[in-house]
């Protein structure tokens, strides 16, 4: 549970309210940015949890889909970036064991 501070003065209460409003505004803006279909480098890095320098490296190595209209700024399509991020799924050992058992049971029945 979040700890609540009790203000000692009216000015403290106002500053706390302003601080919380600022935090809410920041969260709402961030949520709106992450739902945009076209992302800037900074927005894409935040979405993926990467540094901008690493994202630039991925684009220079052409390892991530991106767009560069007029040869200037780099943009990313949100859906493509999310598909790219989820493209190399690693199968857990438990799933592999289950698949092997299922395949072996089917082979025995034949």
C-alpha atoms as a PDB file:
ATOM      1  CA  UNK A   1       0.000   0.000   0.000  1.00  0.00           C
ATOM      2  CA  UNK A   2       1.234   3.489  -0.808  1.00  0.00           C
ATOM      3  CA  UNK A   3       2.425   5.518   2.130  1.00  0.00           C
ATOM      4  CA  UNK A   4       0.426   8.705   2.673  1.00  0.00           C
ATOM      5  CA  UNK A   5       2.080  11.842   3.966  1.00  0.00           C
ATOM      6  CA  UNK A   6       0.190  14.181   6.231  1.00  0.00           C
ATOM      7  CA  UNK A   7       0.943  17.810   5.377  1.00  0.00           C
ATOM      8  CA  UNK A   8       1.836  20.070   8.258  1.00  0.00           C
ATOM      9  CA  UNK A   9       0.935  23.331   6.536  1.00  0.00           C
ATOM     10  CA  UNK A  10      -1.485  24.462   3.856  1.00  0.00           C
ATOM     11  CA  UNK A  11       1.436  25.213   1.510  1.00  0.00           C
ATOM     12  CA  UNK A  12       2.708  21.656   1.915  1.00  0.00           C
ATOM     13  CA  UNK A  13      -0.709  20.297   1.001  1.00  0.00           C
ATOM     14  CA  UNK A  14      -0.819  22.425  -2.151  1.00  0.00           C
ATOM     15  CA  UNK A  15       2.654  21.362  -3.231  1.00  0.00           C
ATOM     16  CA  UNK A  16       1.779  17.703  -2.669  1.00  0.00           C
ATOM     17  CA  UNK A  17      -1.375  18.066  -4.757  1.00  0.00           C
ATOM     18  CA  UNK A  18       0.548  19.809  -7.527  1.00  0.00           C
ATOM     19  CA  UNK A  19       3.208  17.118  -7.475  1.00  0.00           C
ATOM     20  CA  UNK A  20       0.610  14.351  -7.772  1.00  0.00           C
ATOM     21  CA  UNK A  21      -1.164  16.211 -10.586  1.00  0.00           C
ATOM     22  CA  UNK A  22       2.144  16.505 -12.418  1.00  0.00           C
ATOM     23  CA  UNK A  23       2.759  12.760 -12.014  1.00  0.00           C
ATOM     24  CA  UNK A  24      -0.735  11.967 -13.319  1.00  0.00           C
ATOM     25  CA  UNK A  25      -0.253  14.266 -16.295  1.00  0.00           C
ATOM     26  CA  UNK A  26       3.061  12.602 -17.124  1.00  0.00           C
ATOM     27  CA  UNK A  27       1.486   9.129 -16.963  1.00  0.00           C
ATOM     28  CA  UNK A  28      -1.427  10.156 -19.192  1.00  0.00           C
ATOM     29  CA  UNK A  29       0.910  11.734 -21.762  1.00  0.00           C
ATOM     30  CA  UNK A  30       3.142   8.652 -21.769  1.00  0.00           C
ATOM     31  CA  UNK A  31       0.153   6.351 -22.237  1.00  0.00           C
ATOM     32  CA  UNK A  32      -1.045   8.433 -25.170  1.00  0.00           C
ATOM     33  CA  UNK A  33       2.378   8.399 -26.783  1.00  0.00           C
ATOM     34  CA  UNK A  34       2.746   4.643 -26.525  1.00  0.00           C
ATOM     35  CA  UNK A  35      -0.578   4.080 -28.286  1.00  0.00           C
ATOM     36  CA  UNK A  36       0.420   6.151 -31.335  1.00  0.00           C
ATOM     37  CA  UNK A  37       0.774   4.142 -34.559  1.00  0.00           C
ATOM     38  CA  UNK A  38       3.988   5.964 -35.577  1.00  0.00           C
ATOM     39  CA  UNK A  39       6.796   6.341 -33.021  1.00  0.00           C
ATOM     40  CA  UNK A  40       9.915   8.461 -32.846  1.00  0.00           C
ATOM     41  CA  UNK A  41      13.233   6.970 -31.751  1.00  0.00           C
ATOM     42  CA  UNK A  42      12.703   8.139 -28.168  1.00  0.00           C
ATOM     43  CA  UNK A  43       9.142   6.776 -28.013  1.00  0.00           C
ATOM     44  CA  UNK A  44      10.183   3.449 -29.529  1.00  0.00           C
ATOM     45  CA  UNK A  45      13.090   3.122 -27.096  1.00  0.00           C
ATOM     46  CA  UNK A  46      10.738   3.746 -24.182  1.00  0.00           C
ATOM     47  CA  UNK A  47       8.210   1.236 -25.509  1.00  0.00           C
ATOM     48  CA  UNK A  48      10.855  -1.477 -25.844  1.00  0.00           C
ATOM     49  CA  UNK A  49      12.813  -0.514 -22.739  1.00  0.00           C
ATOM     50  CA  UNK A  50      15.990   0.107 -24.749  1.00  0.00           C
ATOM     51  CA  UNK A  51      18.406   3.018 -24.845  1.00  0.00           C
ATOM     52  CA  UNK A  52      18.188   5.293 -27.861  1.00  0.00           C
ATOM     53  CA  UNK A  53      21.823   4.563 -28.737  1.00  0.00           C
ATOM     54  CA  UNK A  54      21.114   0.822 -28.885  1.00  0.00           C
ATOM     55  CA  UNK A  55      18.016   1.477 -30.998  1.00  0.00           C
ATOM     56  CA  UNK A  56      20.111   3.543 -33.431  1.00  0.00           C
ATOM     57  CA  UNK A  57      22.574   0.651 -33.555  1.00  0.00           C
ATOM     58  CA  UNK A  58      19.758  -1.765 -34.423  1.00  0.00           C
ATOM     59  CA  UNK A  59      18.658   0.522 -37.249  1.00  0.00           C
ATOM     60  CA  UNK A  60      22.186   0.920 -38.624  1.00  0.00           C
ATOM     61  CA  UNK A  61      22.544  -2.875 -38.640  1.00  0.00           C
ATOM     62  CA  UNK A  62      19.053  -3.119 -40.222  1.00  0.00           C
ATOM     63  CA  UNK A  63      17.928  -5.548 -37.514  1.00  0.00           C
ATOM     64  CA  UNK A  64      14.674  -3.700 -36.703  1.00  0.00           C
ATOM     65  CA  UNK A  65      12.048  -2.399 -39.170  1.00  0.00           C
ATOM     66  CA  UNK A  66      12.100   1.389 -39.485  1.00  0.00           C
ATOM     67  CA  UNK A  67      11.258   4.238 -41.846  1.00  0.00           C
ATOM     68  CA  UNK A  68      13.418   7.191 -42.841  1.00  0.00           C
ATOM     69  CA  UNK A  69      11.432   9.606 -45.011  1.00  0.00           C
ATOM     70  CA  UNK A  70      13.532  12.232 -46.783  1.00  0.00           C
ATOM     71  CA  UNK A  71      16.657  10.617 -45.342  1.00  0.00           C
ATOM     72  CA  UNK A  72      16.379  12.497 -42.042  1.00  0.00           C
ATOM     73  CA  UNK A  73      14.522  11.401 -38.940  1.00  0.00           C
ATOM     74  CA  UNK A  74      13.819   7.759 -38.160  1.00  0.00           C
ATOM     75  CA  UNK A  75      10.312   6.513 -37.407  1.00  0.00           C
ATOM     76  CA  UNK A  76       8.885   3.176 -36.393  1.00  0.00           C
ATOM     77  CA  UNK A  77       5.484   1.602 -36.901  1.00  0.00           C
ATOM     78  CA  UNK A  78       4.238   0.457 -33.504  1.00  0.00           C
ATOM     79  CA  UNK A  79       2.741  -2.852 -34.687  1.00  0.00           C
ATOM     80  CA  UNK A  80       5.896  -3.798 -36.596  1.00  0.00           C
ATOM     81  CA  UNK A  81       8.118  -3.034 -33.616  1.00  0.00           C
ATOM     82  CA  UNK A  82       5.976  -5.143 -31.286  1.00  0.00           C
ATOM     83  CA  UNK A  83       5.952  -8.018 -33.805  1.00  0.00           C
ATOM     84  CA  UNK A  84       9.729  -7.735 -34.104  1.00  0.00           C
ATOM     85  CA  UNK A  85      10.141  -7.770 -30.318  1.00  0.00           C
ATOM     86  CA  UNK A  86       8.079 -10.966 -30.046  1.00  0.00           C
ATOM     87  CA  UNK A  87       9.510 -12.715 -33.129  1.00  0.00           C
ATOM     88  CA  UNK A  88      12.188 -14.883 -31.503  1.00  0.00           C
ATOM     89  CA  UNK A  89      10.191 -16.897 -28.977  1.00  0.00           C
ATOM     90  CA  UNK A  90      12.169 -19.309 -26.845  1.00  0.00           C
ATOM     91  CA  UNK A  91      10.183 -22.436 -26.035  1.00  0.00           C
ATOM     92  CA  UNK A  92      10.300 -23.388 -22.338  1.00  0.00           C
ATOM     93  CA  UNK A  93      11.651 -26.836 -21.468  1.00  0.00           C
ATOM     94  CA  UNK A  94       8.278 -27.882 -20.051  1.00  0.00           C
ATOM     95  CA  UNK A  95       6.554 -27.254 -23.386  1.00  0.00           C
ATOM     96  CA  UNK A  96       9.248 -29.203 -25.229  1.00  0.00           C
ATOM     97  CA  UNK A  97       8.869 -32.173 -22.875  1.00  0.00           C
ATOM     98  CA  UNK A  98       5.093 -32.132 -23.319  1.00  0.00           C
ATOM     99  CA  UNK A  99       5.429 -31.996 -27.108  1.00  0.00           C
ATOM    100  CA  UNK A 100       7.913 -34.895 -27.131  1.00  0.00           C
ATOM    101  CA  UNK A 101       5.646 -37.017 -24.913  1.00  0.00           C
ATOM    102  CA  UNK A 102       2.629 -36.243 -27.052  1.00  0.00           C
ATOM    103  CA  UNK A 103       4.514 -37.107 -30.231  1.00  0.00           C
ATOM    104  CA  UNK A 104       5.877 -40.334 -28.686  1.00  0.00           C
ATOM    105  CA  UNK A 105       2.398 -41.396 -27.538  1.00  0.00           C
ATOM    106  CA  UNK A 106       0.985 -40.822 -31.035  1.00  0.00           C
ATOM    107  CA  UNK A 107       3.832 -42.822 -32.581  1.00  0.00           C
ATOM    108  CA  UNK A 108       3.182 -45.774 -30.202  1.00  0.00           C
ATOM    109  CA  UNK A 109      -0.510 -45.875 -31.092  1.00  0.00           C
ATOM    110  CA  UNK A 110       0.210 -46.377 -34.799  1.00  0.00           C
END
